Protein backbone atom coordinates (compact mmCIF):
# COMPACT_ATOMS: atom_id res chain seq x y z
CA MET A 1 2.28 12.38 15.15
CA THR A 2 4.45 13.53 12.30
CA HIS A 3 6.36 11.79 9.57
CA LYS A 4 8.07 14.91 8.23
CA ALA A 5 11.39 13.80 9.70
CA TYR A 6 11.35 10.67 7.51
CA SER A 7 10.10 12.06 4.22
CA ALA A 8 9.71 15.48 2.68
CA ARG A 9 6.38 14.23 1.31
CA GLY A 10 5.28 13.11 4.78
CA GLN A 11 3.45 16.38 5.32
CA ASN A 12 0.41 14.87 3.58
CA ILE A 13 0.10 11.91 5.97
CA LYS A 14 -2.93 12.21 8.22
CA LEU A 15 -3.72 10.32 11.42
CA THR A 16 -6.34 8.28 9.52
CA HIS A 17 -3.54 7.03 7.25
CA VAL A 18 -1.60 5.71 10.24
CA LEU A 19 -4.39 4.32 12.46
CA ARG A 20 -6.77 1.62 11.32
CA PRO A 21 -10.34 1.17 12.54
CA ILE A 22 -10.90 -1.15 15.48
CA PRO A 23 -13.25 -3.97 14.43
CA GLN A 24 -16.71 -3.59 15.98
CA THR A 25 -16.59 -7.22 17.18
CA GLN A 26 -13.53 -6.38 19.27
CA ILE A 27 -15.16 -3.27 20.73
CA ASP A 28 -18.29 -5.32 21.56
CA ARG A 29 -16.20 -7.83 23.54
CA LEU A 30 -14.79 -5.18 25.89
CA THR A 31 -16.27 -4.86 29.36
CA VAL A 32 -14.98 -1.29 29.77
CA PRO A 33 -16.21 1.35 27.28
CA PHE A 34 -13.60 2.05 24.63
CA ALA A 35 -13.71 4.62 21.83
CA GLN A 36 -13.01 3.99 18.18
CA ASN A 37 -9.82 5.46 16.71
CA PRO A 38 -10.27 9.13 15.68
CA GLY A 39 -11.66 9.56 12.19
CA TYR A 40 -13.45 6.19 12.06
């Protein structure tokens, strides 16, 4: 994922700035194993 097309300063945006952590309570409710977002 890149934001360079929208802003010249977008080169410093990392995936952890775009994705938020999935709450553990939501992960616990799943019946199929599901991974946390990368970096969290």
